[in-house]
Amino acid sequence: MLSVLFAYKSNLYHFDLHSISDSVCCQYCFQTFPFHSSVLLHHAKSCDSVERPDKKYRYVCLMCKYAAYDSHRMRRHLRTHTGEKPFRCMYCMIDFGQVESLNRHIQVKHINDNMKKRKR
């Protein structure tokens, strides 16, 4: 029997994601993957059954036809479909899909607001 302790409930949820026995299947080539996001990235990059309109774009999103040159941009784009928000504000615990959005939030809501309060 596996005995594991987690400091946060979110870590337990993350562990549960990896322990799910159901796999997700590509609807075009029937290859299986452990997560829905893995299938999306597979469609975008390496599924041979997916047409790519332009060879310079190595990755194409099947949900909206967004095209990207590299995997970083495609992973960032796929978060708009999956709803994943991996970046959390350490001040107010709001989650963001992109690190740029988190940084802008911190600058506007926490740094600028604190400076305004000090001037009063």
C-alpha atoms as a PDB file:
ATOM      1  CA  MET A   1       0.000   0.000   0.000  1.00  0.00           C
ATOM      2  CA  LEU A   2       1.262   3.458  -0.956  1.00  0.00           C
ATOM      3  CA  SER A   3       1.271   6.015   1.839  1.00  0.00           C
ATOM      4  CA  VAL A   4       1.759   9.625   0.767  1.00  0.00           C
ATOM      5  CA  LEU A   5       1.347  12.903   2.674  1.00  0.00           C
ATOM      6  CA  PHE A   6       0.672  16.217   0.968  1.00  0.00           C
ATOM      7  CA  ALA A   7       1.188  19.695   2.382  1.00  0.00           C
ATOM      8  CA  TYR A   8      -1.580  21.186   0.226  1.00  0.00           C
ATOM      9  CA  LYS A   9      -4.865  19.854  -1.115  1.00  0.00           C
ATOM     10  CA  SER A  10      -3.843  21.012  -4.607  1.00  0.00           C
ATOM     11  CA  ASN A  11      -0.888  18.592  -4.498  1.00  0.00           C
ATOM     12  CA  LEU A  12      -3.288  15.729  -3.783  1.00  0.00           C
ATOM     13  CA  TYR A  13      -5.422  16.794  -6.746  1.00  0.00           C
ATOM     14  CA  HIS A  14      -2.312  16.866  -8.948  1.00  0.00           C
ATOM     15  CA  PHE A  15      -1.357  13.373  -7.734  1.00  0.00           C
ATOM     16  CA  ASP A  16      -4.876  12.138  -8.543  1.00  0.00           C
ATOM     17  CA  LEU A  17      -4.510  13.436 -12.094  1.00  0.00           C
ATOM     18  CA  HIS A  18      -1.468  11.234 -12.599  1.00  0.00           C
ATOM     19  CA  SER A  19      -3.082   8.182 -11.028  1.00  0.00           C
ATOM     20  CA  ILE A  20      -6.175   8.146 -13.253  1.00  0.00           C
ATOM     21  CA  SER A  21      -6.202   4.864 -15.144  1.00  0.00           C
ATOM     22  CA  ASP A  22      -8.350   6.114 -18.031  1.00  0.00           C
ATOM     23  CA  SER A  23      -6.342   7.212 -21.020  1.00  0.00           C
ATOM     24  CA  VAL A  24      -7.374   9.618 -23.764  1.00  0.00           C
ATOM     25  CA  CYS A  25      -7.311   8.447 -27.372  1.00  0.00           C
ATOM     26  CA  CYS A  26      -6.470  10.487 -30.487  1.00  0.00           C
ATOM     27  CA  GLN A  27      -9.570  10.489 -32.684  1.00  0.00           C
ATOM     28  CA  TYR A  28      -7.448  10.465 -35.847  1.00  0.00           C
ATOM     29  CA  CYS A  29      -4.681   7.898 -35.300  1.00  0.00           C
ATOM     30  CA  PHE A  30      -5.996   6.159 -32.123  1.00  0.00           C
ATOM     31  CA  GLN A  31      -2.759   6.635 -30.174  1.00  0.00           C
ATOM     32  CA  THR A  32      -3.442   6.868 -26.418  1.00  0.00           C
ATOM     33  CA  PHE A  33      -2.248   9.506 -23.953  1.00  0.00           C
ATOM     34  CA  PRO A  34      -2.550   9.976 -20.180  1.00  0.00           C
ATOM     35  CA  PHE A  35      -4.047  13.499 -20.362  1.00  0.00           C
ATOM     36  CA  HIS A  36      -6.360  15.522 -22.597  1.00  0.00           C
ATOM     37  CA  SER A  37      -3.700  18.234 -22.912  1.00  0.00           C
ATOM     38  CA  SER A  38      -1.244  15.608 -24.228  1.00  0.00           C
ATOM     39  CA  VAL A  39      -3.671  14.719 -27.016  1.00  0.00           C
ATOM     40  CA  LEU A  40      -4.063  18.389 -27.934  1.00  0.00           C
ATOM     41  CA  LEU A  41      -0.298  18.813 -28.211  1.00  0.00           C
ATOM     42  CA  HIS A  42      -0.069  15.567 -30.213  1.00  0.00           C
ATOM     43  CA  HIS A  43      -2.699  16.902 -32.655  1.00  0.00           C
ATOM     44  CA  ALA A  44      -0.866  20.184 -32.902  1.00  0.00           C
ATOM     45  CA  LYS A  45       2.535  18.688 -33.669  1.00  0.00           C
ATOM     46  CA  SER A  46       2.887  15.071 -34.593  1.00  0.00           C
ATOM     47  CA  CYS A  47      -0.374  13.442 -35.641  1.00  0.00           C
ATOM     48  CA  ASP A  48       0.185  12.374 -39.249  1.00  0.00           C
ATOM     49  CA  SER A  49      -3.549  12.473 -39.963  1.00  0.00           C
ATOM     50  CA  VAL A  50      -3.752  16.230 -39.374  1.00  0.00           C
ATOM     51  CA  GLU A  51      -3.269  18.560 -42.337  1.00  0.00           C
ATOM     52  CA  ARG A  52      -0.922  21.474 -41.796  1.00  0.00           C
ATOM     53  CA  PRO A  53      -1.790  24.416 -44.074  1.00  0.00           C
ATOM     54  CA  ASP A  54       1.683  25.924 -44.008  1.00  0.00           C
ATOM     55  CA  LYS A  55       4.917  23.985 -43.510  1.00  0.00           C
ATOM     56  CA  LYS A  56       6.609  26.866 -41.661  1.00  0.00           C
ATOM     57  CA  TYR A  57       4.160  26.371 -38.781  1.00  0.00           C
ATOM     58  CA  ARG A  58       5.132  23.131 -37.058  1.00  0.00           C
ATOM     59  CA  TYR A  59       2.146  23.222 -34.678  1.00  0.00           C
ATOM     60  CA  VAL A  60      -1.534  23.669 -35.558  1.00  0.00           C
ATOM     61  CA  CYS A  61      -4.440  23.719 -33.100  1.00  0.00           C
ATOM     62  CA  LEU A  62      -7.331  21.551 -34.304  1.00  0.00           C
ATOM     63  CA  MET A  63      -9.844  23.434 -32.192  1.00  0.00           C
ATOM     64  CA  CYS A  64      -9.374  26.851 -33.778  1.00  0.00           C
ATOM     65  CA  LYS A  65      -6.660  26.453 -36.466  1.00  0.00           C
ATOM     66  CA  TYR A  66      -4.172  28.628 -34.544  1.00  0.00           C
ATOM     67  CA  ALA A  67      -0.664  27.957 -35.909  1.00  0.00           C
ATOM     68  CA  ALA A  68       2.651  28.329 -34.062  1.00  0.00           C
ATOM     69  CA  TYR A  69       6.342  27.967 -34.821  1.00  0.00           C
ATOM     70  CA  ASP A  70       7.323  26.329 -31.536  1.00  0.00           C
ATOM     71  CA  SER A  71       5.918  24.148 -28.766  1.00  0.00           C
ATOM     72  CA  HIS A  72       6.114  26.914 -26.133  1.00  0.00           C
ATOM     73  CA  ARG A  73       3.657  29.102 -28.033  1.00  0.00           C
ATOM     74  CA  MET A  74       1.375  26.149 -28.731  1.00  0.00           C
ATOM     75  CA  ARG A  75       1.325  25.027 -25.074  1.00  0.00           C
ATOM     76  CA  ARG A  76       0.510  28.591 -24.024  1.00  0.00           C
ATOM     77  CA  HIS A  77      -2.272  28.725 -26.622  1.00  0.00           C
ATOM     78  CA  LEU A  78      -3.727  25.346 -25.580  1.00  0.00           C
ATOM     79  CA  ARG A  79      -4.323  26.731 -22.085  1.00  0.00           C
ATOM     80  CA  THR A  80      -7.064  28.896 -23.595  1.00  0.00           C
ATOM     81  CA  HIS A  81      -8.932  25.695 -24.486  1.00  0.00           C
ATOM     82  CA  THR A  82      -8.128  23.592 -21.407  1.00  0.00           C
ATOM     83  CA  GLY A  83      -8.630  26.379 -18.854  1.00  0.00           C
ATOM     84  CA  GLU A  84      -5.319  25.531 -17.179  1.00  0.00           C
ATOM     85  CA  LYS A  85      -3.986  28.389 -15.042  1.00  0.00           C
ATOM     86  CA  PRO A  86      -0.608  27.328 -13.639  1.00  0.00           C
ATOM     87  CA  PHE A  87       0.592  30.750 -12.428  1.00  0.00           C
ATOM     88  CA  ARG A  88      -0.669  31.881  -8.993  1.00  0.00           C
ATOM     89  CA  CYS A  89      -0.380  35.313  -7.401  1.00  0.00           C
ATOM     90  CA  MET A  90       1.427  34.963  -4.078  1.00  0.00           C
ATOM     91  CA  TYR A  91      -0.464  37.948  -2.635  1.00  0.00           C
ATOM     92  CA  CYS A  92      -4.111  37.100  -3.375  1.00  0.00           C
ATOM     93  CA  MET A  93      -4.028  33.509  -4.731  1.00  0.00           C
ATOM     94  CA  ILE A  94      -5.635  34.354  -8.105  1.00  0.00           C
ATOM     95  CA  ASP A  95      -4.550  31.989 -10.894  1.00  0.00           C
ATOM     96  CA  PHE A  96      -3.454  33.017 -14.394  1.00  0.00           C
ATOM     97  CA  GLY A  97      -2.915  31.171 -17.664  1.00  0.00           C
ATOM     98  CA  GLN A  98       0.159  33.159 -18.660  1.00  0.00           C
ATOM     99  CA  VAL A  99       3.077  34.421 -16.615  1.00  0.00           C
ATOM    100  CA  GLU A 100       2.819  37.792 -18.387  1.00  0.00           C
ATOM    101  CA  SER A 101      -0.747  38.190 -17.085  1.00  0.00           C
ATOM    102  CA  LEU A 102       0.396  37.348 -13.557  1.00  0.00           C
ATOM    103  CA  ASN A 103       3.243  39.884 -13.708  1.00  0.00           C
ATOM    104  CA  ARG A 104       0.901  42.609 -15.011  1.00  0.00           C
ATOM    105  CA  HIS A 105      -1.616  41.780 -12.249  1.00  0.00           C
ATOM    106  CA  ILE A 106       1.055  42.031  -9.529  1.00  0.00           C
ATOM    107  CA  GLN A 107       2.316  45.338 -10.916  1.00  0.00           C
ATOM    108  CA  VAL A 108      -1.146  46.913 -11.148  1.00  0.00           C
ATOM    109  CA  LYS A 109      -2.948  45.431  -8.137  1.00  0.00           C
ATOM    110  CA  HIS A 110      -0.223  45.000  -5.563  1.00  0.00           C
ATOM    111  CA  ILE A 111       2.794  47.183  -6.325  1.00  0.00           C
ATOM    112  CA  ASN A 112       1.000  50.262  -7.706  1.00  0.00           C
ATOM    113  CA  ASP A 113      -1.779  50.054  -5.079  1.00  0.00           C
ATOM    114  CA  ASN A 114       0.782  49.876  -2.257  1.00  0.00           C
ATOM    115  CA  MET A 115       2.623  52.902  -3.646  1.00  0.00           C
ATOM    116  CA  LYS A 116      -0.646  54.876  -3.817  1.00  0.00           C
ATOM    117  CA  LYS A 117      -1.451  53.987  -0.192  1.00  0.00           C
ATOM    118  CA  ARG A 118       2.007  55.144   0.973  1.00  0.00           C
ATOM    119  CA  LYS A 119       1.570  58.569  -0.664  1.00  0.00           C
ATOM    120  CA  ARG A 120      -1.571  59.283   1.362  1.00  0.00           C
END
